[in-house]
């Protein structure tokens, strides 16, 4: 079983810039969204690191980061 190496910390004396922090989009209740696999849906619940979306006829919980989910 292989594991990924731990993330190396950025040294202050390094001539290279540190990796930027990833931007995680936030969604609000009752917002229309589009998913690459499920299509168009509406946000029905918002949690700290997940959203629940009603895609009619199924309801799906999607966890952060929301790579395939975009706001309409």
N, C-alpha and C. Protein backbone atom coordinates (compact mmCIF):
# COMPACT_ATOMS: atom_id res chain seq x y z
N UNK A 1 0.84 -1.17 0.00
CA UNK A 1 0.00 0.00 0.00
C UNK A 1 0.89 1.24 0.00
N UNK A 2 0.69 2.10 -0.96
CA UNK A 2 1.51 3.31 -1.04
C UNK A 2 0.72 4.52 -0.57
N UNK A 3 1.40 5.42 0.02
CA UNK A 3 0.77 6.66 0.47
C UNK A 3 1.47 7.82 -0.21
N UNK A 4 0.76 8.91 -0.35
CA UNK A 4 1.38 10.07 -0.96
C UNK A 4 2.32 10.74 0.05
N UNK A 5 3.39 11.35 -0.45
CA UNK A 5 4.32 12.00 0.47
C UNK A 5 3.66 13.20 1.13
N UNK A 6 4.07 13.53 2.33
CA UNK A 6 3.47 14.69 3.01
C UNK A 6 3.81 15.98 2.26
N UNK A 7 2.95 16.97 2.39
CA UNK A 7 3.17 18.25 1.73
C UNK A 7 4.34 18.96 2.39
N UNK A 8 5.27 19.43 1.56
CA UNK A 8 6.44 20.11 2.08
C UNK A 8 6.10 21.55 2.41
N UNK A 9 6.62 22.04 3.52
CA UNK A 9 6.34 23.42 3.90
C UNK A 9 7.23 24.37 3.11
N UNK A 10 6.76 25.56 2.93
CA UNK A 10 7.48 26.58 2.17
C UNK A 10 8.46 27.31 3.10
N UNK A 11 9.70 27.35 2.68
CA UNK A 11 10.71 28.05 3.47
C UNK A 11 10.73 29.53 3.11
N UNK A 12 10.92 30.38 4.08
CA UNK A 12 10.94 31.82 3.86
C UNK A 12 12.09 32.24 2.95
N UNK A 13 13.18 31.51 2.96
CA UNK A 13 14.34 31.86 2.14
C UNK A 13 14.25 31.31 0.71
N UNK A 14 13.18 30.62 0.38
CA UNK A 14 13.04 30.02 -0.94
C UNK A 14 12.80 31.09 -2.01
N UNK A 15 13.43 30.94 -3.20
CA UNK A 15 13.20 31.92 -4.27
C UNK A 15 11.88 31.67 -5.01
N UNK A 16 11.20 30.57 -4.71
CA UNK A 16 9.95 30.23 -5.38
C UNK A 16 8.75 30.65 -4.54
N UNK A 17 7.67 30.97 -5.22
CA UNK A 17 6.44 31.34 -4.51
C UNK A 17 5.76 30.09 -3.95
N UNK A 18 5.08 30.22 -2.82
CA UNK A 18 4.35 29.06 -2.29
C UNK A 18 3.12 28.78 -3.17
N UNK A 19 2.63 27.54 -3.11
CA UNK A 19 1.42 27.19 -3.85
C UNK A 19 0.25 28.01 -3.31
N UNK A 20 -0.60 28.55 -4.19
CA UNK A 20 -1.73 29.33 -3.71
C UNK A 20 -2.76 28.44 -3.02
N UNK A 21 -3.45 29.02 -2.07
CA UNK A 21 -4.51 28.29 -1.38
C UNK A 21 -5.64 28.03 -2.37
N UNK A 22 -6.21 26.84 -2.38
CA UNK A 22 -7.31 26.57 -3.32
C UNK A 22 -8.55 27.35 -2.94
N UNK A 23 -9.24 27.87 -3.95
CA UNK A 23 -10.48 28.61 -3.72
C UNK A 23 -11.64 27.62 -3.75
N UNK A 24 -12.38 27.53 -2.67
CA UNK A 24 -13.53 26.63 -2.59
C UNK A 24 -14.78 27.49 -2.64
N UNK A 25 -15.59 27.24 -3.66
CA UNK A 25 -16.79 28.04 -3.87
C UNK A 25 -17.82 27.77 -2.79
N UNK A 26 -18.58 28.78 -2.42
CA UNK A 26 -19.64 28.62 -1.43
C UNK A 26 -20.98 28.75 -2.13
N UNK A 27 -21.94 27.98 -1.67
CA UNK A 27 -23.28 27.99 -2.24
C UNK A 27 -24.28 28.34 -1.15
N UNK A 28 -25.45 28.84 -1.55
CA UNK A 28 -26.49 29.20 -0.60
C UNK A 28 -27.74 28.37 -0.87
N UNK A 29 -28.60 28.30 0.11
CA UNK A 29 -29.85 27.55 0.01
C UNK A 29 -30.70 28.08 -1.15
N UNK A 30 -31.33 27.19 -1.89
CA UNK A 30 -32.28 27.49 -2.97
C UNK A 30 -31.60 28.10 -4.20
N UNK A 31 -30.31 27.85 -4.38
CA UNK A 31 -29.57 28.35 -5.53
C UNK A 31 -29.57 27.30 -6.65
N UNK A 32 -29.70 27.75 -7.89
CA UNK A 32 -29.65 26.84 -9.03
C UNK A 32 -28.20 26.55 -9.39
N UNK A 33 -27.90 25.25 -9.61
CA UNK A 33 -26.55 24.83 -9.94
C UNK A 33 -26.59 23.83 -11.09
N UNK A 34 -25.43 23.61 -11.69
CA UNK A 34 -25.30 22.63 -12.75
C UNK A 34 -24.15 21.68 -12.40
N UNK A 35 -24.39 20.39 -12.58
CA UNK A 35 -23.38 19.37 -12.32
C UNK A 35 -23.06 18.66 -13.62
N UNK A 36 -21.78 18.33 -13.84
CA UNK A 36 -21.36 17.69 -15.09
C UNK A 36 -22.06 16.35 -15.33
N UNK A 37 -22.34 15.59 -14.28
CA UNK A 37 -22.95 14.27 -14.43
C UNK A 37 -24.45 14.27 -14.23
N UNK A 38 -24.97 15.05 -13.27
CA UNK A 38 -26.38 15.01 -12.91
C UNK A 38 -27.23 16.05 -13.64
N UNK A 39 -26.63 17.10 -14.13
CA UNK A 39 -27.39 18.15 -14.81
C UNK A 39 -27.77 19.29 -13.87
N UNK A 40 -28.90 19.94 -14.16
CA UNK A 40 -29.33 21.10 -13.40
C UNK A 40 -30.07 20.68 -12.14
N UNK A 41 -29.83 21.40 -11.04
CA UNK A 41 -30.48 21.10 -9.79
C UNK A 41 -30.56 22.32 -8.90
N UNK A 42 -31.16 22.12 -7.72
CA UNK A 42 -31.34 23.22 -6.76
C UNK A 42 -30.79 22.79 -5.41
N UNK A 43 -30.03 23.68 -4.76
CA UNK A 43 -29.45 23.42 -3.45
C UNK A 43 -30.58 23.36 -2.43
N UNK A 44 -30.65 22.25 -1.66
CA UNK A 44 -31.70 22.14 -0.65
C UNK A 44 -31.14 22.11 0.77
N UNK A 45 -29.81 21.93 0.90
CA UNK A 45 -29.19 21.96 2.23
C UNK A 45 -27.72 22.34 2.07
N UNK A 46 -27.24 23.14 3.01
CA UNK A 46 -25.84 23.58 2.99
C UNK A 46 -25.21 23.21 4.33
N UNK A 47 -24.08 22.50 4.27
CA UNK A 47 -23.34 22.13 5.47
C UNK A 47 -21.97 22.80 5.38
N UNK A 48 -21.12 22.54 6.37
CA UNK A 48 -19.80 23.17 6.38
C UNK A 48 -18.96 22.74 5.19
N UNK A 49 -18.94 21.46 4.85
CA UNK A 49 -18.09 20.97 3.77
C UNK A 49 -18.86 20.13 2.76
N UNK A 50 -20.17 20.37 2.63
CA UNK A 50 -20.96 19.62 1.66
C UNK A 50 -22.25 20.38 1.37
N UNK A 51 -22.85 20.06 0.23
CA UNK A 51 -24.16 20.58 -0.12
C UNK A 51 -25.04 19.42 -0.57
N UNK A 52 -26.34 19.54 -0.36
CA UNK A 52 -27.28 18.55 -0.84
C UNK A 52 -28.08 19.20 -1.95
N UNK A 53 -28.14 18.52 -3.11
CA UNK A 53 -28.75 19.09 -4.29
C UNK A 53 -29.88 18.19 -4.76
N UNK A 54 -31.01 18.79 -5.09
CA UNK A 54 -32.16 18.07 -5.65
C UNK A 54 -32.06 18.16 -7.16
N UNK A 55 -31.76 17.03 -7.81
CA UNK A 55 -31.63 17.00 -9.25
C UNK A 55 -32.89 16.48 -9.94
N UNK A 56 -33.90 16.13 -9.19
CA UNK A 56 -35.16 15.61 -9.73
C UNK A 56 -34.93 14.50 -10.72
N UNK A 57 -35.06 13.32 -10.48
CA UNK A 57 -35.75 12.65 -9.39
C UNK A 57 -34.87 12.23 -8.22
N UNK A 58 -33.56 12.49 -8.23
CA UNK A 58 -32.72 12.06 -7.12
C UNK A 58 -32.10 13.24 -6.38
N UNK A 59 -31.81 12.98 -5.12
CA UNK A 59 -31.17 13.98 -4.26
C UNK A 59 -29.77 13.47 -3.96
N UNK A 60 -28.76 14.33 -4.18
CA UNK A 60 -27.36 13.92 -4.04
C UNK A 60 -26.65 14.87 -3.09
N UNK A 61 -25.84 14.28 -2.19
CA UNK A 61 -24.99 15.07 -1.30
C UNK A 61 -23.60 15.13 -1.93
N UNK A 62 -23.10 16.33 -2.17
CA UNK A 62 -21.81 16.53 -2.82
C UNK A 62 -20.86 17.20 -1.82
N UNK A 63 -19.69 16.59 -1.65
CA UNK A 63 -18.73 17.12 -0.67
C UNK A 63 -17.74 18.06 -1.34
N UNK A 64 -17.13 18.90 -0.54
CA UNK A 64 -16.17 19.89 -1.00
C UNK A 64 -14.85 19.20 -1.33
N UNK A 65 -14.07 19.62 -2.30
CA UNK A 65 -14.26 20.73 -3.22
C UNK A 65 -15.22 20.34 -4.33
N UNK A 66 -15.98 21.29 -4.79
CA UNK A 66 -17.04 21.05 -5.75
C UNK A 66 -16.51 21.18 -7.17
N UNK A 67 -15.74 20.18 -7.64
CA UNK A 67 -15.07 20.27 -8.93
C UNK A 67 -16.04 20.27 -10.10
N UNK A 68 -17.11 19.47 -10.04
CA UNK A 68 -18.02 19.34 -11.16
C UNK A 68 -19.28 20.18 -11.00
N UNK A 69 -19.37 20.96 -9.93
CA UNK A 69 -20.57 21.73 -9.64
C UNK A 69 -20.31 23.21 -9.91
N UNK A 70 -21.23 23.83 -10.65
CA UNK A 70 -21.08 25.26 -10.94
C UNK A 70 -22.42 25.96 -10.76
N UNK A 71 -22.34 27.22 -10.43
CA UNK A 71 -23.53 28.04 -10.20
C UNK A 71 -24.08 28.52 -11.53
N UNK A 72 -25.41 28.62 -11.62
CA UNK A 72 -26.05 29.13 -12.84
C UNK A 72 -26.35 30.60 -12.69
